[in-house]
PDB file of N, CA and C in Angstrom:
ATOM      1  N   UNK A   1     -34.114 -31.237  33.642  1.00  0.00           N
ATOM      2  CA  UNK A   1     -32.802 -30.801  34.041  1.00  0.00           C
ATOM      3  C   UNK A   1     -32.933 -30.016  35.340  1.00  0.00           C
ATOM      4  N   UNK A   2     -32.052 -30.266  36.306  1.00  0.00           N
ATOM      5  CA  UNK A   2     -32.075 -29.561  37.577  1.00  0.00           C
ATOM      6  C   UNK A   2     -31.779 -28.085  37.402  1.00  0.00           C
ATOM      7  N   UNK A   3     -32.257 -27.286  38.347  1.00  0.00           N
ATOM      8  CA  UNK A   3     -32.123 -25.837  38.180  1.00  0.00           C
ATOM      9  C   UNK A   3     -30.669 -25.376  38.229  1.00  0.00           C
ATOM     10  N   UNK A   4     -29.861 -25.972  39.090  1.00  0.00           N
ATOM     11  CA  UNK A   4     -28.459 -25.571  39.160  1.00  0.00           C
ATOM     12  C   UNK A   4     -27.738 -25.979  37.876  1.00  0.00           C
ATOM     13  N   UNK A   5     -28.030 -27.170  37.381  1.00  0.00           N
ATOM     14  CA  UNK A   5     -27.421 -27.644  36.139  1.00  0.00           C
ATOM     15  C   UNK A   5     -27.819 -26.751  34.961  1.00  0.00           C
ATOM     16  N   UNK A   6     -29.065 -26.312  34.944  1.00  0.00           N
ATOM     17  CA  UNK A   6     -29.542 -25.429  33.868  1.00  0.00           C
ATOM     18  C   UNK A   6     -28.747 -24.121  33.854  1.00  0.00           C
ATOM     19  N   UNK A   7     -28.511 -23.570  35.040  1.00  0.00           N
ATOM     20  CA  UNK A   7     -27.762 -22.320  35.139  1.00  0.00           C
ATOM     21  C   UNK A   7     -26.294 -22.534  34.769  1.00  0.00           C
ATOM     22  N   UNK A   8     -25.725 -23.658  35.196  1.00  0.00           N
ATOM     23  CA  UNK A   8     -24.344 -23.979  34.850  1.00  0.00           C
ATOM     24  C   UNK A   8     -24.192 -24.095  33.333  1.00  0.00           C
ATOM     25  N   UNK A   9     -25.142 -24.773  32.714  1.00  0.00           N
ATOM     26  CA  UNK A   9     -25.085 -24.967  31.259  1.00  0.00           C
ATOM     27  C   UNK A   9     -25.189 -23.624  30.530  1.00  0.00           C
ATOM     28  N   UNK A  10     -26.081 -22.754  30.992  1.00  0.00           N
ATOM     29  CA  UNK A  10     -26.218 -21.428  30.393  1.00  0.00           C
ATOM     30  C   UNK A  10     -24.890 -20.683  30.487  1.00  0.00           C
ATOM     31  N   UNK A  11     -24.260 -20.715  31.669  1.00  0.00           N
ATOM     32  CA  UNK A  11     -22.981 -20.027  31.869  1.00  0.00           C
ATOM     33  C   UNK A  11     -21.890 -20.607  30.978  1.00  0.00           C
ATOM     34  N   UNK A  12     -21.860 -21.918  30.875  1.00  0.00           N
ATOM     35  CA  UNK A  12     -20.860 -22.592  30.037  1.00  0.00           C
ATOM     36  C   UNK A  12     -21.015 -22.170  28.578  1.00  0.00           C
ATOM     37  N   UNK A  13     -22.227 -22.183  28.088  1.00  0.00           N
ATOM     38  CA  UNK A  13     -22.472 -21.788  26.702  1.00  0.00           C
ATOM     39  C   UNK A  13     -22.145 -20.311  26.475  1.00  0.00           C
ATOM     40  N   UNK A  14     -22.390 -19.478  27.481  1.00  0.00           N
ATOM     41  CA  UNK A  14     -22.065 -18.058  27.377  1.00  0.00           C
ATOM     42  C   UNK A  14     -20.556 -17.880  27.243  1.00  0.00           C
ATOM     43  N   UNK A  15     -19.794 -18.608  28.069  1.00  0.00           N
ATOM     44  CA  UNK A  15     -18.327 -18.536  27.987  1.00  0.00           C
ATOM     45  C   UNK A  15     -17.816 -19.000  26.622  1.00  0.00           C
ATOM     46  N   UNK A  16     -18.555 -19.888  25.993  1.00  0.00           N
ATOM     47  CA  UNK A  16     -18.180 -20.388  24.668  1.00  0.00           C
ATOM     48  C   UNK A  16     -18.709 -19.486  23.546  1.00  0.00           C
ATOM     49  N   UNK A  17     -19.232 -18.318  23.924  1.00  0.00           N
ATOM     50  CA  UNK A  17     -19.763 -17.322  22.982  1.00  0.00           C
ATOM     51  C   UNK A  17     -20.946 -17.817  22.158  1.00  0.00           C
ATOM     52  N   UNK A  18     -21.719 -18.714  22.732  1.00  0.00           N
ATOM     53  CA  UNK A  18     -22.951 -19.156  22.079  1.00  0.00           C
ATOM     54  C   UNK A  18     -24.002 -18.071  22.293  1.00  0.00           C
ATOM     55  N   UNK A  19     -24.690 -17.701  21.245  1.00  0.00           N
ATOM     56  CA  UNK A  19     -25.753 -16.692  21.355  1.00  0.00           C
ATOM     57  C   UNK A  19     -27.040 -17.400  21.773  1.00  0.00           C
ATOM     58  N   UNK A  20     -27.544 -17.044  22.939  1.00  0.00           N
ATOM     59  CA  UNK A  20     -28.726 -17.692  23.496  1.00  0.00           C
ATOM     60  C   UNK A  20     -30.003 -17.155  22.859  1.00  0.00           C
ATOM     61  N   UNK A  21     -31.019 -18.020  22.800  1.00  0.00           N
ATOM     62  CA  UNK A  21     -32.318 -17.563  22.316  1.00  0.00           C
ATOM     63  C   UNK A  21     -33.177 -17.136  23.509  1.00  0.00           C
ATOM     64  N   UNK A  22     -34.340 -16.600  23.211  1.00  0.00           N
ATOM     65  CA  UNK A  22     -35.229 -16.065  24.244  1.00  0.00           C
ATOM     66  C   UNK A  22     -35.618 -17.131  25.264  1.00  0.00           C
ATOM     67  N   UNK A  23     -35.885 -18.333  24.827  1.00  0.00           N
ATOM     68  CA  UNK A  23     -36.293 -19.409  25.736  1.00  0.00           C
ATOM     69  C   UNK A  23     -35.173 -19.721  26.724  1.00  0.00           C
ATOM     70  N   UNK A  24     -33.940 -19.787  26.245  1.00  0.00           N
ATOM     71  CA  UNK A  24     -32.807 -20.067  27.126  1.00  0.00           C
ATOM     72  C   UNK A  24     -32.593 -18.937  28.126  1.00  0.00           C
ATOM     73  N   UNK A  25     -32.735 -17.706  27.661  1.00  0.00           N
ATOM     74  CA  UNK A  25     -32.531 -16.550  28.534  1.00  0.00           C
ATOM     75  C   UNK A  25     -33.592 -16.510  29.628  1.00  0.00           C
ATOM     76  N   UNK A  26     -34.842 -16.651  29.243  1.00  0.00           N
ATOM     77  CA  UNK A  26     -35.931 -16.637  30.232  1.00  0.00           C
ATOM     78  C   UNK A  26     -35.772 -17.812  31.198  1.00  0.00           C
ATOM     79  N   UNK A  27     -35.368 -18.971  30.690  1.00  0.00           N
ATOM     80  CA  UNK A  27     -35.139 -20.129  31.555  1.00  0.00           C
ATOM     81  C   UNK A  27     -34.043 -19.878  32.572  1.00  0.00           C
ATOM     82  N   UNK A  28     -32.940 -19.279  32.125  1.00  0.00           N
ATOM     83  CA  UNK A  28     -31.835 -18.976  33.041  1.00  0.00           C
ATOM     84  C   UNK A  28     -32.263 -17.939  34.078  1.00  0.00           C
ATOM     85  N   UNK A  29     -32.979 -16.909  33.641  1.00  0.00           N
ATOM     86  CA  UNK A  29     -33.457 -15.899  34.590  1.00  0.00           C
ATOM     87  C   UNK A  29     -34.449 -16.501  35.584  1.00  0.00           C
ATOM     88  N   UNK A  30     -35.310 -17.386  35.117  1.00  0.00           N
ATOM     89  CA  UNK A  30     -36.259 -18.052  36.017  1.00  0.00           C
ATOM     90  C   UNK A  30     -35.520 -18.872  37.069  1.00  0.00           C
ATOM     91  N   UNK A  31     -34.398 -19.457  36.672  1.00  0.00           N
ATOM     92  CA  UNK A  31     -33.584 -20.213  37.623  1.00  0.00           C
ATOM     93  C   UNK A  31     -33.007 -19.290  38.684  1.00  0.00           C
ATOM     94  N   UNK A  32     -32.548 -18.105  38.276  1.00  0.00           N
ATOM     95  CA  UNK A  32     -32.022 -17.170  39.274  1.00  0.00           C
ATOM     96  C   UNK A  32     -33.126 -16.721  40.226  1.00  0.00           C
ATOM     97  N   UNK A  33     -34.349 -16.640  39.727  1.00  0.00           N
ATOM     98  CA  UNK A  33     -35.482 -16.301  40.595  1.00  0.00           C
ATOM     99  C   UNK A  33     -35.703 -17.418  41.607  1.00  0.00           C
ATOM    100  N   UNK A  34     -35.714 -18.664  41.139  1.00  0.00           N
ATOM    101  CA  UNK A  34     -35.912 -19.806  42.040  1.00  0.00           C
ATOM    102  C   UNK A  34     -34.841 -19.857  43.121  1.00  0.00           C
ATOM    103  N   UNK A  35     -33.603 -19.526  42.751  1.00  0.00           N
ATOM    104  CA  UNK A  35     -32.482 -19.577  43.692  1.00  0.00           C
ATOM    105  C   UNK A  35     -32.313 -18.273  44.473  1.00  0.00           C
ATOM    106  N   UNK A  36     -33.065 -17.245  44.096  1.00  0.00           N
ATOM    107  CA  UNK A  36     -32.922 -15.902  44.667  1.00  0.00           C
ATOM    108  C   UNK A  36     -31.470 -15.432  44.535  1.00  0.00           C
ATOM    109  N   UNK A  37     -30.889 -15.693  43.361  1.00  0.00           N
ATOM    110  CA  UNK A  37     -29.487 -15.384  43.081  1.00  0.00           C
ATOM    111  C   UNK A  37     -29.405 -14.120  42.229  1.00  0.00           C
ATOM    112  N   UNK A  38     -29.472 -12.967  42.902  1.00  0.00           N
ATOM    113  CA  UNK A  38     -29.485 -11.696  42.181  1.00  0.00           C
ATOM    114  C   UNK A  38     -28.168 -11.443  41.457  1.00  0.00           C
ATOM    115  N   UNK A  39     -27.062 -11.920  42.013  1.00  0.00           N
ATOM    116  CA  UNK A  39     -25.771 -11.701  41.354  1.00  0.00           C
ATOM    117  C   UNK A  39     -25.719 -12.395  39.995  1.00  0.00           C
ATOM    118  N   UNK A  40     -26.165 -13.637  39.935  1.00  0.00           N
ATOM    119  CA  UNK A  40     -26.197 -14.356  38.655  1.00  0.00           C
ATOM    120  C   UNK A  40     -27.207 -13.693  37.713  1.00  0.00           C
ATOM    121  N   UNK A  41     -28.326 -13.226  38.271  1.00  0.00           N
ATOM    122  CA  UNK A  41     -29.308 -12.511  37.461  1.00  0.00           C
ATOM    123  C   UNK A  41     -28.727 -11.246  36.848  1.00  0.00           C
ATOM    124  N   UNK A  42     -27.922 -10.522  37.632  1.00  0.00           N
ATOM    125  CA  UNK A  42     -27.264  -9.318  37.109  1.00  0.00           C
ATOM    126  C   UNK A  42     -26.265  -9.677  36.012  1.00  0.00           C
ATOM    127  N   UNK A  43     -25.560 -10.804  36.187  1.00  0.00           N
ATOM    128  CA  UNK A  43     -24.628 -11.259  35.145  1.00  0.00           C
ATOM    129  C   UNK A  43     -25.367 -11.498  33.829  1.00  0.00           C
ATOM    130  N   UNK A  44     -26.515 -12.149  33.939  1.00  0.00           N
ATOM    131  CA  UNK A  44     -27.305 -12.422  32.733  1.00  0.00           C
ATOM    132  C   UNK A  44     -27.811 -11.115  32.129  1.00  0.00           C
ATOM    133  N   UNK A  45     -28.245 -10.192  32.980  1.00  0.00           N
ATOM    134  CA  UNK A  45     -28.712  -8.889  32.500  1.00  0.00           C
ATOM    135  C   UNK A  45     -27.571  -8.168  31.775  1.00  0.00           C
ATOM    136  N   UNK A  46     -26.373  -8.188  32.354  1.00  0.00           N
ATOM    137  CA  UNK A  46     -25.209  -7.569  31.704  1.00  0.00           C
ATOM    138  C   UNK A  46     -24.926  -8.214  30.349  1.00  0.00           C
ATOM    139  N   UNK A  47     -25.033  -9.545  30.306  1.00  0.00           N
ATOM    140  CA  UNK A  47     -24.845 -10.275  29.047  1.00  0.00           C
ATOM    141  C   UNK A  47     -25.847  -9.771  28.002  1.00  0.00           C
ATOM    142  N   UNK A  48     -27.092  -9.583  28.414  1.00  0.00           N
ATOM    143  CA  UNK A  48     -28.133  -9.119  27.492  1.00  0.00           C
ATOM    144  C   UNK A  48     -27.833  -7.719  26.976  1.00  0.00           C
ATOM    145  N   UNK A  49     -27.354  -6.861  27.850  1.00  0.00           N
ATOM    146  CA  UNK A  49     -27.015  -5.491  27.447  1.00  0.00           C
ATOM    147  C   UNK A  49     -25.852  -5.512  26.455  1.00  0.00           C
ATOM    148  N   UNK A  50     -24.830  -6.313  26.760  1.00  0.00           N
ATOM    149  CA  UNK A  50     -23.670  -6.410  25.862  1.00  0.00           C
ATOM    150  C   UNK A  50     -24.063  -6.931  24.486  1.00  0.00           C
ATOM    151  N   UNK A  51     -24.974  -7.886  24.464  1.00  0.00           N
ATOM    152  CA  UNK A  51     -25.402  -8.486  23.197  1.00  0.00           C
ATOM    153  C   UNK A  51     -26.485  -7.676  22.495  1.00  0.00           C
ATOM    154  N   UNK A  52     -27.022  -6.673  23.183  1.00  0.00           N
ATOM    155  CA  UNK A  52     -28.078  -5.871  22.587  1.00  0.00           C
ATOM    156  C   UNK A  52     -29.404  -6.598  22.480  1.00  0.00           C
ATOM    157  N   UNK A  53     -29.628  -7.551  23.389  1.00  0.00           N
ATOM    158  CA  UNK A  53     -30.860  -8.350  23.333  1.00  0.00           C
ATOM    159  C   UNK A  53     -31.714  -8.160  24.578  1.00  0.00           C
ATOM    160  N   UNK A  54     -31.618  -6.990  25.192  1.00  0.00           N
ATOM    161  CA  UNK A  54     -32.353  -6.788  26.443  1.00  0.00           C
ATOM    162  C   UNK A  54     -33.682  -6.075  26.247  1.00  0.00           C
ATOM    163  N   UNK A  55     -34.149  -5.935  25.016  1.00  0.00           N
ATOM    164  CA  UNK A  55     -35.384  -5.177  24.787  1.00  0.00           C
ATOM    165  C   UNK A  55     -36.608  -6.054  24.548  1.00  0.00           C
ATOM    166  N   UNK A  56     -36.457  -7.369  24.582  1.00  0.00           N
ATOM    167  CA  UNK A  56     -37.583  -8.275  24.383  1.00  0.00           C
ATOM    168  C   UNK A  56     -38.543  -8.174  25.565  1.00  0.00           C
ATOM    169  N   UNK A  57     -39.830  -8.064  25.288  1.00  0.00           N
ATOM    170  CA  UNK A  57     -40.845  -7.878  26.326  1.00  0.00           C
ATOM    171  C   UNK A  57     -40.832  -8.990  27.375  1.00  0.00           C
ATOM    172  N   UNK A  58     -40.763 -10.237  26.929  1.00  0.00           N
ATOM    173  CA  UNK A  58     -40.773 -11.350  27.888  1.00  0.00           C
ATOM    174  C   UNK A  58     -39.510 -11.354  28.745  1.00  0.00           C
ATOM    175  N   UNK A  59     -38.385 -11.025  28.145  1.00  0.00           N
ATOM    176  CA  UNK A  59     -37.122 -10.971  28.888  1.00  0.00           C
ATOM    177  C   UNK A  59     -37.173  -9.839  29.913  1.00  0.00           C
ATOM    178  N   UNK A  60     -37.646  -8.668  29.510  1.00  0.00           N
ATOM    179  CA  UNK A  60     -37.730  -7.536  30.435  1.00  0.00           C
ATOM    180  C   UNK A  60     -38.671  -7.858  31.590  1.00  0.00           C
ATOM    181  N   UNK A  61     -39.797  -8.464  31.291  1.00  0.00           N
ATOM    182  CA  UNK A  61     -40.745  -8.839  32.341  1.00  0.00           C
ATOM    183  C   UNK A  61     -40.114  -9.830  33.313  1.00  0.00           C
ATOM    184  N   UNK A  62     -39.346 -10.775  32.797  1.00  0.00           N
ATOM    185  CA  UNK A  62     -38.676 -11.739  33.668  1.00  0.00           C
ATOM    186  C   UNK A  62     -37.611 -11.042  34.505  1.00  0.00           C
ATOM    187  N   UNK A  63     -36.902 -10.079  33.923  1.00  0.00           N
ATOM    188  CA  UNK A  63     -35.924  -9.302  34.691  1.00  0.00           C
ATOM    189  C   UNK A  63     -36.607  -8.510  35.805  1.00  0.00           C
ATOM    190  N   UNK A  64     -37.746  -7.894  35.505  1.00  0.00           N
ATOM    191  CA  UNK A  64     -38.500  -7.157  36.531  1.00  0.00           C
ATOM    192  C   UNK A  64     -38.855  -8.093  37.678  1.00  0.00           C
ATOM    193  N   UNK A  65     -39.365  -9.259  37.347  1.00  0.00           N
ATOM    194  CA  UNK A  65     -39.737 -10.242  38.367  1.00  0.00           C
ATOM    195  C   UNK A  65     -38.519 -10.681  39.163  1.00  0.00           C
ATOM    196  N   UNK A  66     -37.408 -10.933  38.480  1.00  0.00           N
ATOM    197  CA  UNK A  66     -36.191 -11.380  39.152  1.00  0.00           C
ATOM    198  C   UNK A  66     -35.705 -10.333  40.147  1.00  0.00           C
ATOM    199  N   UNK A  67     -35.603  -9.077  39.707  1.00  0.00           N
ATOM    200  CA  UNK A  67     -35.131  -8.034  40.609  1.00  0.00           C
ATOM    201  C   UNK A  67     -36.090  -7.844  41.782  1.00  0.00           C
ATOM    202  N   UNK A  68     -37.373  -7.873  41.518  1.00  0.00           N
ATOM    203  CA  UNK A  68     -38.357  -7.690  42.587  1.00  0.00           C
ATOM    204  C   UNK A  68     -38.281  -8.822  43.608  1.00  0.00           C
ATOM    205  N   UNK A  69     -38.263 -10.059  43.136  1.00  0.00           N
ATOM    206  CA  UNK A  69     -38.236 -11.194  44.061  1.00  0.00           C
ATOM    207  C   UNK A  69     -36.912 -11.315  44.798  1.00  0.00           C
ATOM    208  N   UNK A  70     -35.848 -10.769  44.207  1.00  0.00           N
ATOM    209  CA  UNK A  70     -34.542 -10.806  44.871  1.00  0.00           C
ATOM    210  C   UNK A  70     -34.316  -9.565  45.734  1.00  0.00           C
ATOM    211  N   UNK A  71     -35.317  -8.697  45.820  1.00  0.00           N
ATOM    212  CA  UNK A  71     -35.265  -7.582  46.758  1.00  0.00           C
ATOM    213  C   UNK A  71     -34.753  -6.257  46.222  1.00  0.00           C
ATOM    214  N   UNK A  72     -34.599  -6.103  44.922  1.00  0.00           N
ATOM    215  CA  UNK A  72     -34.132  -4.833  44.377  1.00  0.00           C
ATOM    216  C   UNK A  72     -35.256  -4.174  43.572  1.00  0.00           C
ATOM    217  N   UNK A  73     -36.158  -3.559  44.302  1.00  0.00           N
ATOM    218  CA  UNK A  73     -37.323  -2.936  43.674  1.00  0.00           C
ATOM    219  C   UNK A  73     -36.924  -1.751  42.794  1.00  0.00           C
ATOM    220  N   UNK A  74     -35.843  -1.059  43.160  1.00  0.00           N
ATOM    221  CA  UNK A  74     -35.410   0.088  42.355  1.00  0.00           C
ATOM    222  C   UNK A  74     -35.043  -0.323  40.929  1.00  0.00           C
ATOM    223  N   UNK A  75     -34.296  -1.417  40.783  1.00  0.00           N
ATOM    224  CA  UNK A  75     -33.953  -1.883  39.433  1.00  0.00           C
ATOM    225  C   UNK A  75     -35.186  -2.393  38.695  1.00  0.00           C
ATOM    226  N   UNK A  76     -36.101  -3.021  39.423  1.00  0.00           N
ATOM    227  CA  UNK A  76     -37.349  -3.475  38.800  1.00  0.00           C
ATOM    228  C   UNK A  76     -38.120  -2.274  38.248  1.00  0.00           C
ATOM    229  N   UNK A  77     -38.215  -1.209  39.040  1.00  0.00           N
ATOM    230  CA  UNK A  77     -38.911   0.008  38.605  1.00  0.00           C
ATOM    231  C   UNK A  77     -38.214   0.647  37.409  1.00  0.00           C
ATOM    232  N   UNK A  78     -36.892   0.687  37.463  1.00  0.00           N
ATOM    233  CA  UNK A  78     -36.118   1.282  36.372  1.00  0.00           C
ATOM    234  C   UNK A  78     -36.387   0.558  35.047  1.00  0.00           C
ATOM    235  N   UNK A  79     -36.385  -0.760  35.102  1.00  0.00           N
ATOM    236  CA  UNK A  79     -36.682  -1.536  33.893  1.00  0.00           C
ATOM    237  C   UNK A  79     -38.107  -1.283  33.417  1.00  0.00           C
ATOM    238  N   UNK A  80     -39.044  -1.295  34.358  1.00  0.00           N
ATOM    239  CA  UNK A  80     -40.446  -1.080  34.001  1.00  0.00           C
ATOM    240  C   UNK A  80     -40.638   0.291  33.359  1.00  0.00           C
ATOM    241  N   UNK A  81     -40.019   1.305  33.950  1.00  0.00           N
ATOM    242  CA  UNK A  81     -40.158   2.663  33.412  1.00  0.00           C
ATOM    243  C   UNK A  81     -39.527   2.809  32.033  1.00  0.00           C
ATOM    244  N   UNK A  82     -38.606   1.927  31.687  1.00  0.00           N
ATOM    245  CA  UNK A  82     -37.961   1.973  30.381  1.00  0.00           C
ATOM    246  C   UNK A  82     -38.748   1.292  29.276  1.00  0.00           C
ATOM    247  N   UNK A  83     -39.830   0.615  29.632  1.00  0.00           N
ATOM    248  CA  UNK A  83     -40.647  -0.069  28.630  1.00  0.00           C
ATOM    249  C   UNK A  83     -41.502   0.968  27.909  1.00  0.00           C
ATOM    250  N   UNK A  84     -41.409   0.984  26.593  1.00  0.00           N
ATOM    251  CA  UNK A  84     -42.188   1.959  25.817  1.00  0.00           C
ATOM    252  C   UNK A  84     -43.671   1.627  25.806  1.00  0.00           C
ATOM    253  N   UNK A  85     -44.000   0.392  25.519  1.00  0.00           N
ATOM    254  CA  UNK A  85     -45.399  -0.028  25.457  1.00  0.00           C
ATOM    255  C   UNK A  85     -45.591  -1.225  26.374  1.00  0.00           C
ATOM    256  N   UNK A  86     -45.777  -0.941  27.657  1.00  0.00           N
ATOM    257  CA  UNK A  86     -45.945  -2.025  28.621  1.00  0.00           C
ATOM    258  C   UNK A  86     -47.186  -2.847  28.331  1.00  0.00           C
ATOM    259  N   UNK A  87     -47.030  -4.154  28.347  1.00  0.00           N
ATOM    260  CA  UNK A  87     -48.171  -5.027  28.126  1.00  0.00           C
ATOM    261  C   UNK A  87     -48.727  -5.513  29.465  1.00  0.00           C
ATOM    262  N   UNK A  88     -49.755  -6.324  29.397  1.00  0.00           N
ATOM    263  CA  UNK A  88     -50.421  -6.829  30.595  1.00  0.00           C
ATOM    264  C   UNK A  88     -49.451  -7.573  31.502  1.00  0.00           C
ATOM    265  N   UNK A  89     -48.577  -8.366  30.915  1.00  0.00           N
ATOM    266  CA  UNK A  89     -47.646  -9.168  31.709  1.00  0.00           C
ATOM    267  C   UNK A  89     -46.655  -8.270  32.441  1.00  0.00           C
ATOM    268  N   UNK A  90     -46.143  -7.246  31.777  1.00  0.00           N
ATOM    269  CA  UNK A  90     -45.210  -6.315  32.420  1.00  0.00           C
ATOM    270  C   UNK A  90     -45.891  -5.573  33.567  1.00  0.00           C
ATOM    271  N   UNK A  91     -47.118  -5.110  33.330  1.00  0.00           N
ATOM    272  CA  UNK A  91     -47.861  -4.434  34.391  1.00  0.00           C
ATOM    273  C   UNK A  91     -48.111  -5.389  35.561  1.00  0.00           C
ATOM    274  N   UNK A  92     -48.471  -6.617  35.265  1.00  0.00           N
ATOM    275  CA  UNK A  92     -48.711  -7.608  36.323  1.00  0.00           C
ATOM    276  C   UNK A  92     -47.453  -7.855  37.135  1.00  0.00           C
ATOM    277  N   UNK A  93     -46.311  -7.951  36.464  1.00  0.00           N
ATOM    278  CA  UNK A  93     -45.043  -8.173  37.162  1.00  0.00           C
ATOM    279  C   UNK A  93     -44.729  -7.008  38.094  1.00  0.00           C
ATOM    280  N   UNK A  94     -44.960  -5.784  37.630  1.00  0.00           N
ATOM    281  CA  UNK A  94     -44.656  -4.619  38.462  1.00  0.00           C
ATOM    282  C   UNK A  94     -45.636  -4.492  39.617  1.00  0.00           C
ATOM    283  N   UNK A  95     -46.897  -4.765  39.377  1.00  0.00           N
ATOM    284  CA  UNK A  95     -47.891  -4.729  40.464  1.00  0.00           C
ATOM    285  C   UNK A  95     -47.541  -5.776  41.513  1.00  0.00           C
ATOM    286  N   UNK A  96     -47.160  -6.981  41.062  1.00  0.00           N
ATOM    287  CA  UNK A  96     -46.734  -8.025  42.002  1.00  0.00           C
ATOM    288  C   UNK A  96     -45.538  -7.539  42.816  1.00  0.00           C
ATOM    289  N   UNK A  97     -44.565  -6.924  42.148  1.00  0.00           N
ATOM    290  CA  UNK A  97     -43.358  -6.458  42.832  1.00  0.00           C
ATOM    291  C   UNK A  97     -43.707  -5.449  43.921  1.00  0.00           C
ATOM    292  N   UNK A  98     -44.575  -4.503  43.595  1.00  0.00           N
ATOM    293  CA  UNK A  98     -44.967  -3.486  44.573  1.00  0.00           C
ATOM    294  C   UNK A  98     -45.774  -4.095  45.720  1.00  0.00           C
ATOM    295  N   UNK A  99     -46.669  -5.011  45.397  1.00  0.00           N
ATOM    296  CA  UNK A  99     -47.469  -5.667  46.441  1.00  0.00           C
ATOM    297  C   UNK A  99     -46.588  -6.523  47.337  1.00  0.00           C
ATOM    298  N   UNK A 100     -45.640  -7.230  46.737  1.00  0.00           N
ATOM    299  CA  UNK A 100     -44.716  -8.072  47.506  1.00  0.00           C
ATOM    300  C   UNK A 100     -43.897  -7.215  48.462  1.00  0.00           C
ATOM    301  N   UNK A 101     -43.437  -6.075  47.981  1.00  0.00           N
ATOM    302  CA  UNK A 101     -42.638  -5.156  48.803  1.00  0.00           C
ATOM    303  C   UNK A 101     -43.480  -4.591  49.948  1.00  0.00           C
ATOM    304  N   UNK A 102     -44.730  -4.247  49.662  1.00  0.00           N
ATOM    305  CA  UNK A 102     -45.607  -3.670  50.686  1.00  0.00           C
ATOM    306  C   UNK A 102     -45.925  -4.668  51.789  1.00  0.00           C
ATOM    307  N   UNK A 103     -45.931  -5.953  51.456  1.00  0.00           N
ATOM    308  CA  UNK A 103     -46.279  -6.967  52.460  1.00  0.00           C
ATOM    309  C   UNK A 103     -45.101  -7.349  53.345  1.00  0.00           C
ATOM    310  N   UNK A 104     -43.926  -6.824  53.051  1.00  0.00           N
ATOM    311  CA  UNK A 104     -42.743  -7.175  53.860  1.00  0.00           C
ATOM    312  C   UNK A 104     -42.591  -6.262  55.040  1.00  0.00           C
TER     313      UNK A 104
END
């Protein structure tokens, strides 16, 4: 499935009040990363907060990556600092974000 179609489908299902699973959420966030679409990424993040599903480690790590790659290091840091028990993947995402920012 094309990346734009994947994001459209996620949005359509959200409007229909379908509760997304972790795979769908990470897939949609990965699409926003590919498109560098921070606004759509924020929409998905807001959806996660409203649904109370924003605490999953893989989802948070993907959000950190999305914010960092879309140029909002402050939100990436805020999410990272909110992780109680950061795992290797979360640390790697934050290190990448800081290194990416330093190279710009």
